[in-house]
Amino acid sequence: MSHVRTILPDPALPPIAGLPDARARASGAQAPWQKALGRWLARLRERDEMRGLSERERRDAGLTAYDVAFEYRKLPWRD
């Protein structure tokens, strides 16, 4: 019979700088790269939605076709 051994971090030891802390992950905290990825995906969704606006909706929002095209072409990590 095979036994699976779970390795848990020693609570007495401080986390190593730069490495993900299993205690933080267990509490539901996100790693910095996960937060960044979430922001990038949100920006892509917003820019895609903006691109789908009709001319009237753009005018109501005070945007020109150039504004929408400029924003849509930005890389996800650019504000």
N, C-alpha and C. Protein backbone atom coordinates (compact mmCIF):
# COMPACT_ATOMS: atom_id res chain seq x y z
N MET A 1 0.84 -1.18 0.00
CA MET A 1 0.00 0.00 0.00
C MET A 1 0.88 1.24 0.00
N SER A 2 0.54 2.18 -0.85
CA SER A 2 1.32 3.40 -0.98
C SER A 2 0.80 4.46 -0.01
N HIS A 3 1.73 5.10 0.63
CA HIS A 3 1.36 6.16 1.55
C HIS A 3 1.78 7.50 0.96
N VAL A 4 0.91 8.47 1.08
CA VAL A 4 1.22 9.81 0.61
C VAL A 4 1.53 10.66 1.83
N ARG A 5 2.68 11.26 1.78
CA ARG A 5 3.11 12.08 2.91
C ARG A 5 2.91 13.55 2.55
N THR A 6 2.21 14.28 3.38
CA THR A 6 1.99 15.70 3.16
C THR A 6 3.05 16.46 3.93
N ILE A 7 3.69 17.36 3.23
CA ILE A 7 4.72 18.16 3.86
C ILE A 7 4.13 19.53 4.16
N LEU A 8 4.06 19.86 5.43
CA LEU A 8 3.55 21.15 5.85
C LEU A 8 4.70 22.00 6.35
N PRO A 9 4.61 23.32 6.17
CA PRO A 9 5.68 24.17 6.66
C PRO A 9 5.70 24.19 8.19
N ASP A 10 6.88 24.31 8.73
CA ASP A 10 7.02 24.40 10.18
C ASP A 10 6.58 25.80 10.60
N PRO A 11 5.54 25.91 11.43
CA PRO A 11 5.05 27.23 11.82
C PRO A 11 6.07 28.03 12.62
N ALA A 12 7.07 27.37 13.17
CA ALA A 12 8.07 28.08 13.96
C ALA A 12 9.10 28.79 13.07
N LEU A 13 9.19 28.39 11.80
CA LEU A 13 10.17 28.98 10.90
C LEU A 13 9.55 30.14 10.11
N PRO A 14 10.28 31.23 9.93
CA PRO A 14 9.75 32.33 9.11
C PRO A 14 9.80 31.93 7.63
N PRO A 15 8.91 32.52 6.80
CA PRO A 15 8.95 32.20 5.38
C PRO A 15 10.24 32.74 4.74
N ILE A 16 10.70 32.06 3.70
CA ILE A 16 11.89 32.47 2.99
C ILE A 16 11.51 33.59 2.01
N ALA A 17 12.27 34.66 2.03
CA ALA A 17 11.96 35.80 1.16
C ALA A 17 11.95 35.38 -0.29
N GLY A 18 10.93 35.80 -1.01
CA GLY A 18 10.84 35.52 -2.44
C GLY A 18 10.16 34.21 -2.79
N LEU A 19 9.95 33.34 -1.81
CA LEU A 19 9.28 32.07 -2.07
C LEU A 19 7.85 32.14 -1.55
N PRO A 20 6.93 31.49 -2.24
CA PRO A 20 5.55 31.51 -1.77
C PRO A 20 5.43 30.82 -0.42
N ASP A 21 4.63 31.38 0.43
CA ASP A 21 4.43 30.85 1.77
C ASP A 21 3.18 29.98 1.77
N ALA A 22 3.31 28.71 2.09
CA ALA A 22 2.18 27.79 2.09
C ALA A 22 1.12 28.22 3.08
N ARG A 23 1.51 28.87 4.15
CA ARG A 23 0.52 29.33 5.13
C ARG A 23 -0.35 30.42 4.52
N ALA A 24 0.24 31.31 3.74
CA ALA A 24 -0.54 32.37 3.10
C ALA A 24 -1.48 31.78 2.06
N ARG A 25 -1.00 30.81 1.28
CA ARG A 25 -1.85 30.18 0.27
C ARG A 25 -3.01 29.46 0.93
N ALA A 26 -2.77 28.83 2.04
CA ALA A 26 -3.82 28.10 2.73
C ALA A 26 -4.89 29.05 3.26
N SER A 27 -4.52 30.28 3.56
CA SER A 27 -5.49 31.24 4.08
C SER A 27 -6.27 31.92 2.96
N GLY A 28 -5.98 31.60 1.70
CA GLY A 28 -6.70 32.17 0.58
C GLY A 28 -6.00 33.37 -0.04
N ALA A 29 -4.84 33.73 0.45
CA ALA A 29 -4.11 34.86 -0.12
C ALA A 29 -3.57 34.48 -1.49
N GLN A 30 -3.47 35.47 -2.38
CA GLN A 30 -2.96 35.22 -3.71
C GLN A 30 -1.50 35.66 -3.81
N ALA A 31 -0.78 34.95 -4.62
CA ALA A 31 0.60 35.32 -4.90
C ALA A 31 0.59 36.59 -5.76
N PRO A 32 1.64 37.39 -5.71
CA PRO A 32 1.68 38.62 -6.51
C PRO A 32 1.44 38.39 -8.00
N TRP A 33 1.97 37.30 -8.55
CA TRP A 33 1.78 37.05 -9.98
C TRP A 33 0.31 36.75 -10.29
N GLN A 34 -0.40 36.14 -9.32
CA GLN A 34 -1.82 35.86 -9.54
C GLN A 34 -2.63 37.15 -9.54
N LYS A 35 -2.27 38.07 -8.66
CA LYS A 35 -2.96 39.36 -8.62
C LYS A 35 -2.72 40.13 -9.92
N ALA A 36 -1.47 40.12 -10.38
CA ALA A 36 -1.13 40.81 -11.63
C ALA A 36 -1.88 40.19 -12.81
N LEU A 37 -1.92 38.88 -12.86
CA LEU A 37 -2.63 38.20 -13.95
C LEU A 37 -4.11 38.55 -13.93
N GLY A 38 -4.69 38.61 -12.74
CA GLY A 38 -6.10 38.99 -12.62
C GLY A 38 -6.36 40.40 -13.13
N ARG A 39 -5.45 41.33 -12.80
CA ARG A 39 -5.59 42.71 -13.29
C ARG A 39 -5.48 42.76 -14.81
N TRP A 40 -4.52 42.02 -15.37
CA TRP A 40 -4.32 42.01 -16.82
C TRP A 40 -5.55 41.45 -17.54
N LEU A 41 -6.09 40.37 -17.01
CA LEU A 41 -7.28 39.78 -17.63
C LEU A 41 -8.47 40.72 -17.55
N ALA A 42 -8.60 41.43 -16.42
CA ALA A 42 -9.68 42.40 -16.26
C ALA A 42 -9.53 43.53 -17.29
N ARG A 43 -8.30 44.00 -17.48
CA ARG A 43 -8.05 45.06 -18.48
C ARG A 43 -8.41 44.58 -19.88
N LEU A 44 -8.04 43.34 -20.20
CA LEU A 44 -8.37 42.80 -21.52
C LEU A 44 -9.88 42.74 -21.72
N ARG A 45 -10.61 42.30 -20.69
CA ARG A 45 -12.07 42.23 -20.79
C ARG A 45 -12.68 43.63 -20.97
N GLU A 46 -12.19 44.60 -20.18
CA GLU A 46 -12.70 45.97 -20.28
C GLU A 46 -12.42 46.56 -21.65
N ARG A 47 -11.22 46.34 -22.16
CA ARG A 47 -10.87 46.89 -23.47
C ARG A 47 -11.66 46.23 -24.58
N ASP A 48 -11.93 44.94 -24.43
CA ASP A 48 -12.74 44.25 -25.43
C ASP A 48 -14.17 44.77 -25.40
N GLU A 49 -14.68 45.00 -24.20
CA GLU A 49 -16.03 45.54 -24.06
C GLU A 49 -16.10 46.96 -24.65
N MET A 50 -15.07 47.76 -24.39
CA MET A 50 -15.03 49.11 -24.93
C MET A 50 -15.02 49.09 -26.46
N ARG A 51 -14.31 48.14 -27.02
CA ARG A 51 -14.22 48.04 -28.48
C ARG A 51 -15.58 47.69 -29.09
N GLY A 52 -16.42 47.01 -28.32
CA GLY A 52 -17.73 46.62 -28.81
C GLY A 52 -18.80 47.68 -28.67
N LEU A 53 -18.46 48.85 -28.13
CA LEU A 53 -19.44 49.92 -27.97
C LEU A 53 -19.89 50.46 -29.33
N SER A 54 -21.16 50.80 -29.40
CA SER A 54 -21.65 51.43 -30.63
C SER A 54 -21.17 52.88 -30.66
N GLU A 55 -21.35 53.52 -31.80
CA GLU A 55 -20.92 54.92 -31.94
C GLU A 55 -21.66 55.80 -30.93
N ARG A 56 -22.92 55.54 -30.76
CA ARG A 56 -23.71 56.34 -29.81
C ARG A 56 -23.23 56.14 -28.38
N GLU A 57 -22.93 54.89 -28.01
CA GLU A 57 -22.44 54.62 -26.65
C GLU A 57 -21.08 55.28 -26.43
N ARG A 58 -20.23 55.27 -27.45
CA ARG A 58 -18.93 55.95 -27.33
C ARG A 58 -19.13 57.44 -27.12
N ARG A 59 -20.03 58.03 -27.90
CA ARG A 59 -20.29 59.46 -27.76
C ARG A 59 -20.82 59.77 -26.36
N ASP A 60 -21.73 58.94 -25.86
CA ASP A 60 -22.28 59.14 -24.51
C ASP A 60 -21.19 59.08 -23.45
N ALA A 61 -20.19 58.24 -23.68
CA ALA A 61 -19.08 58.09 -22.73
C ALA A 61 -18.00 59.14 -22.95
N GLY A 62 -18.13 59.94 -24.02
CA GLY A 62 -17.15 60.97 -24.31
C GLY A 62 -15.88 60.41 -24.95
N LEU A 63 -16.01 59.30 -25.66
CA LEU A 63 -14.85 58.67 -26.30
C LEU A 63 -14.94 58.79 -27.81
N THR A 64 -13.79 58.91 -28.44
CA THR A 64 -13.73 58.90 -29.90
C THR A 64 -13.30 57.51 -30.34
N ALA A 65 -13.44 57.25 -31.62
CA ALA A 65 -12.99 55.96 -32.17
C ALA A 65 -11.48 55.81 -31.95
N TYR A 66 -10.75 56.94 -32.05
CA TYR A 66 -9.30 56.89 -31.81
C TYR A 66 -9.00 56.49 -30.37
N ASP A 67 -9.74 57.05 -29.40
CA ASP A 67 -9.53 56.71 -27.99
C ASP A 67 -9.69 55.21 -27.75
N VAL A 68 -10.76 54.67 -28.34
CA VAL A 68 -11.04 53.24 -28.16
C VAL A 68 -9.95 52.40 -28.82
N ALA A 69 -9.55 52.75 -30.03
CA ALA A 69 -8.51 51.99 -30.73
C ALA A 69 -7.19 52.07 -29.99
N PHE A 70 -6.86 53.26 -29.49
CA PHE A 70 -5.61 53.44 -28.74
C PHE A 70 -5.59 52.58 -27.49
N GLU A 71 -6.68 52.57 -26.75
CA GLU A 71 -6.77 51.79 -25.51
C GLU A 71 -6.75 50.29 -25.82
N TYR A 72 -7.43 49.88 -26.88
CA TYR A 72 -7.52 48.46 -27.22
C TYR A 72 -6.16 47.89 -27.61
N ARG A 73 -5.31 48.70 -28.22
CA ARG A 73 -4.01 48.21 -28.69
C ARG A 73 -2.95 48.15 -27.60
N LYS A 74 -3.26 48.69 -26.44
CA LYS A 74 -2.28 48.66 -25.34
C LYS A 74 -2.03 47.22 -24.87
N LEU A 75 -0.84 46.97 -24.41
CA LEU A 75 -0.52 45.68 -23.82
C LEU A 75 -1.23 45.56 -22.46
N PRO A 76 -1.59 44.37 -22.04
CA PRO A 76 -2.39 44.20 -20.81
C PRO A 76 -1.72 44.77 -19.56
N TRP A 77 -0.40 44.82 -19.53
CA TRP A 77 0.26 45.30 -18.32
C TRP A 77 0.44 46.82 -18.33
N ARG A 78 -0.05 47.48 -19.37
CA ARG A 78 0.00 48.94 -19.43
C ARG A 78 -1.33 49.51 -18.95
N ASP A 79 -1.24 50.49 -18.06
CA ASP A 79 -2.48 51.16 -17.59
C ASP A 79 -3.04 52.05 -18.65
